[in-house]
Protein backbone atom coordinates (compact mmCIF):
# COMPACT_ATOMS: atom_id res chain seq x y z
CA MET A 1 55.71 118.35 57.98
CA GLN A 2 59.27 119.43 57.35
CA LYS A 3 60.22 122.92 56.28
CA ILE A 4 62.10 123.83 53.14
CA TRP A 5 65.47 125.27 54.05
CA HIS A 6 67.49 127.79 52.09
CA ARG A 7 71.14 126.94 51.46
CA ARG A 8 72.26 129.27 54.23
CA GLY A 9 70.29 127.25 56.76
CA ARG A 10 67.34 129.60 57.22
CA PRO A 11 63.78 128.24 56.92
CA ALA A 12 61.86 129.37 53.85
CA ARG A 13 58.80 131.51 54.51
CA ILE A 14 56.57 129.21 52.44
CA GLY A 15 57.62 125.58 52.39
CA LEU A 16 56.96 122.03 51.28
CA PRO A 17 58.16 118.70 52.68
CA GLY A 18 61.87 118.05 52.07
CA PRO A 19 64.64 120.18 50.59
CA ILE A 20 64.39 122.44 47.56
CA ASP A 21 65.29 120.64 44.33
CA ARG A 22 66.38 123.24 41.80
CA ARG A 23 66.19 120.69 38.99
CA ARG A 24 62.47 120.07 39.38
CA GLN A 25 60.71 122.81 37.51
CA THR A 26 57.38 121.36 36.31
CA VAL A 27 54.81 120.90 39.05
CA GLY A 28 51.26 119.58 39.06
CA LEU A 29 48.88 121.03 41.64
CA MET A 30 46.10 118.91 43.15
CA GLY A 31 43.80 120.82 45.46
CA GLY A 32 41.11 119.53 47.78
CA SER A 33 39.99 118.72 51.27
CA PHE A 34 41.65 115.26 51.22
CA ASN A 35 39.00 114.06 53.66
CA PRO A 36 40.56 111.58 53.82
CA ALA A 37 43.55 111.24 51.50
CA HIS A 38 43.49 107.79 49.92
CA GLU A 39 45.03 105.52 47.32
CA GLY A 40 42.98 107.13 44.57
CA HIS A 41 44.71 110.47 45.16
CA ARG A 42 48.05 108.70 44.88
CA HIS A 43 46.89 106.84 41.77
CA LEU A 44 45.93 110.10 40.06
CA ALA A 45 49.13 111.88 41.10
CA LEU A 46 51.30 109.09 39.71
CA LEU A 47 49.30 109.16 36.47
CA ALA A 48 49.89 112.91 36.29
CA LEU A 49 53.64 112.50 36.80
CA HIS A 50 53.75 110.06 33.89
CA ARG A 51 51.15 111.42 31.45
CA LEU A 52 52.06 115.10 31.90
CA GLY A 53 55.82 114.57 32.22
CA LEU A 54 55.93 116.41 35.55
CA ASP A 55 58.79 116.61 38.02
CA GLU A 56 56.53 116.80 41.10
CA VAL A 57 52.88 116.87 42.15
CA TRP A 58 51.93 119.01 45.15
CA TRP A 59 48.82 118.11 47.15
CA LEU A 60 47.31 121.37 48.36
CA VAL A 61 45.42 120.24 51.45
CA ALA A 62 42.75 122.90 51.94
CA PRO A 63 41.63 124.18 55.35
CA GLN A 64 38.01 124.13 54.07
CA ASN A 65 36.50 123.77 50.62
CA PRO A 66 33.88 126.54 50.12
CA LEU A 67 31.76 124.17 48.02
CA LYS A 68 31.62 121.44 50.66
CA PRO A 69 29.92 121.41 54.10
CA ASN A 70 31.87 121.45 57.34
CA ASN A 71 29.94 118.45 58.66
CA GLY A 72 32.11 115.35 58.59
CA MET A 73 35.30 117.32 57.89
CA ALA A 74 38.26 115.97 59.85
CA PRO A 75 40.63 118.47 61.53
CA PHE A 76 43.15 119.98 59.13
CA ALA A 77 46.22 118.58 60.92
CA GLU A 78 44.74 115.09 60.75
CA ARG A 79 43.98 115.36 57.03
CA LEU A 80 47.48 116.68 56.30
CA ALA A 81 49.14 113.90 58.29
CA ARG A 82 47.05 111.29 56.51
CA ALA A 83 48.01 112.74 53.12
CA SER A 84 51.68 112.45 54.04
CA GLU A 85 51.19 108.79 54.95
CA VAL A 86 49.34 108.00 51.72
CA ALA A 87 51.67 109.80 49.29
CA ARG A 88 54.68 107.47 49.83
CA HIS A 89 56.68 108.89 46.94
CA PRO A 90 59.53 111.42 46.86
CA ARG A 91 57.89 113.37 44.03
CA LEU A 92 54.44 113.60 45.63
CA LYS A 93 54.34 116.50 48.10
CA PRO A 94 51.38 116.95 50.47
CA THR A 95 51.59 120.46 51.88
CA ASP A 96 49.90 123.03 54.10
CA ILE A 97 50.99 125.82 51.76
CA GLU A 98 47.42 127.04 51.21
CA VAL A 99 47.06 127.64 54.94
CA ARG A 100 50.40 129.45 55.01
CA LEU A 101 49.42 131.61 52.06
CA GLY A 102 46.11 132.45 53.72
CA THR A 103 44.11 131.85 50.54
CA ARG A 104 40.64 130.35 50.39
CA TYR A 105 39.85 130.13 46.69
CA THR A 106 41.78 128.24 44.03
CA VAL A 107 42.23 131.27 41.79
CA ASP A 108 43.91 133.19 44.63
CA THR A 109 46.11 130.23 45.55
CA LEU A 110 47.35 129.81 41.98
CA ARG A 111 48.22 133.49 41.67
CA ALA A 112 50.07 133.41 44.99
CA LEU A 113 52.04 130.30 44.03
CA GLN A 114 53.17 131.84 40.77
CA ARG A 115 54.41 134.89 42.67
CA ARG A 116 56.22 132.75 45.26
CA PHE A 117 57.76 130.33 42.75
CA PRO A 118 58.35 132.32 39.54
CA THR A 119 60.70 129.72 38.00
CA ARG A 120 58.23 126.83 38.30
CA ARG A 121 55.92 125.74 35.49
CA PHE A 122 52.62 124.77 37.10
CA VAL A 123 49.67 122.68 35.86
CA TRP A 124 46.32 122.66 37.65
CA ILE A 125 45.01 119.06 37.93
CA MET A 126 41.37 118.19 38.51
CA GLY A 127 38.78 115.50 37.87
CA ALA A 128 36.08 115.54 35.22
CA ASP A 129 33.46 115.98 37.97
CA CYS A 130 34.99 119.35 38.80
CA LEU A 131 35.04 120.47 35.17
CA ALA A 132 31.32 119.61 34.94
CA GLU A 133 30.55 122.29 37.55
CA PHE A 134 33.52 124.57 37.04
CA GLU A 135 31.37 127.65 36.47
CA ARG A 136 30.52 127.54 40.20
CA TRP A 137 34.14 128.25 41.11
CA LYS A 138 35.27 131.81 41.83
CA ASP A 139 36.77 133.45 38.71
CA TRP A 140 36.85 130.08 36.94
CA GLN A 141 37.77 131.60 33.58
CA GLN A 142 40.81 133.22 35.14
CA ILE A 143 42.06 129.82 36.32
CA PHE A 144 42.34 128.74 32.68
CA ARG A 145 44.25 131.94 31.91
CA ILE A 146 46.62 131.69 34.89
CA MET A 147 48.07 128.25 34.13
CA PRO A 148 47.48 125.15 31.98
CA VAL A 149 44.82 122.70 33.18
CA ALA A 150 44.77 118.88 33.05
CA VAL A 151 41.41 117.16 33.50
CA PHE A 152 41.34 113.45 34.35
CA ASP A 153 38.31 111.33 33.55
CA ARG A 154 36.04 110.02 36.32
CA PRO A 155 33.29 107.37 36.08
CA SER A 156 30.05 108.71 34.54
CA TYR A 157 31.31 112.31 34.25
CA SER A 158 32.96 112.41 30.80
CA LEU A 159 29.92 113.52 28.82
CA ARG A 160 28.82 116.14 31.34
CA ALA A 161 32.36 117.49 31.63
CA LEU A 162 33.01 117.77 27.91
CA TRP A 163 29.66 119.53 27.35
CA SER A 164 30.11 121.83 30.33
CA LEU A 165 30.23 125.60 29.98
CA ALA A 166 33.97 125.61 30.77
CA ALA A 167 34.80 122.97 28.16
CA ARG A 168 32.78 124.77 25.50
CA ARG A 169 34.16 128.20 26.39
CA PHE A 170 37.77 127.00 26.05
CA ALA A 171 37.23 124.41 23.31
CA ARG A 172 39.66 126.15 20.93
CA VAL A 173 42.60 125.77 23.30
CA ARG A 174 42.00 122.13 24.19
CA LEU A 175 45.01 119.99 23.25
CA LYS A 176 45.01 116.44 21.98
CA SER A 177 45.97 113.89 24.63
CA GLY A 178 49.21 113.17 22.76
CA SER A 179 50.39 116.68 23.63
CA ALA A 180 49.85 116.23 27.36
CA ARG A 181 53.53 115.77 28.22
CA GLY A 182 54.30 119.29 27.11
CA LEU A 183 51.33 120.91 28.83
CA ALA A 184 53.33 122.48 31.67
CA ARG A 185 55.34 124.55 29.21
CA ARG A 186 52.37 125.76 27.18
CA GLN A 187 51.25 129.34 27.37
CA PRO A 188 47.79 129.45 29.00
CA PRO A 189 44.99 129.10 28.24
CA ALA A 190 45.66 125.47 27.32
CA TRP A 191 44.08 122.30 28.65
CA VAL A 192 43.81 118.59 28.04
CA PHE A 193 41.24 115.92 28.89
CA LEU A 194 42.76 112.53 29.66
CA HIS A 195 40.94 109.21 29.57
CA THR A 196 42.81 106.98 31.99
CA ARG A 197 42.53 103.79 33.97
CA LEU A 198 40.11 104.64 36.78
CA HIS A 199 40.29 103.82 40.47
CA PRO A 200 36.94 102.38 41.69
CA ALA A 201 36.37 103.82 45.17
CA SER A 202 35.49 107.20 46.68
CA ALA A 203 36.40 109.18 49.78
CA THR A 204 32.74 109.26 50.85
CA GLN A 205 32.63 105.46 50.90
CA ILE A 206 35.77 105.42 53.03
CA ARG A 207 34.28 107.82 55.59
CA THR A 208 31.02 105.88 55.82
CA GLY A 209 32.78 102.53 56.02
CA THR A 210 31.05 101.09 52.95
CA GLN A 211 34.27 100.22 51.15
CA PRO A 212 37.56 98.72 52.38
CA GLU A 213 40.62 100.97 52.56
CA SER A 214 42.51 98.86 50.01
CA HIS A 215 40.14 100.18 47.32
CA TRP A 216 40.32 103.86 48.07
CA GLY A 217 39.57 106.08 45.09
CA LYS A 218 39.84 109.64 43.95
CA SER A 219 37.77 112.47 45.38
CA SER A 220 38.22 115.87 43.79
CA ALA A 221 37.48 119.17 45.48
CA GLY A 222 37.09 122.56 43.95
CA ASN A 223 36.57 126.14 45.03
């Protein structure tokens, strides 16, 4: 991973791959274990760039997801390197920033990022499977109040997600899908549920060897 460098040539304390681009102000955040990163992550990130009108999407590769077991978890450096290989796009940014920040839970990471990057407009991106169990996350209601949220559909999860406690609690601030491109500049709480073309595979199938790598799909993580 490269460091971000300030104009005077000094390394930034918290960095992402490549140089700072002052023009890119709207950023989608995808968090998870990325165990492993795969084409489905890339598919979702590119959809987010287009559907949400974002300048960048940062992949927050987590040291360990509190809602997932350690068994079968690849070393962090390996998962980060793999994410960098899979991203293959100048506006997709896999990063170890969560490790550098020293945060474990999503709500703490989002607060820290807003403090570190006060000029950025962030959107939290997650799959419908995560929304279906969002009440298990630490301070989940605060996540909705910290920044806008974009939820992308996943096979068989739409109904559960849209009838979840989180969806019902914040039903009044749910936007129509046609307003998704302006989500990053909305005052939270605000969220959108997007029905999109789905990628067929899963990270679990990749790890167990039951599906070829060319069909890698999305695997969300939450904490």
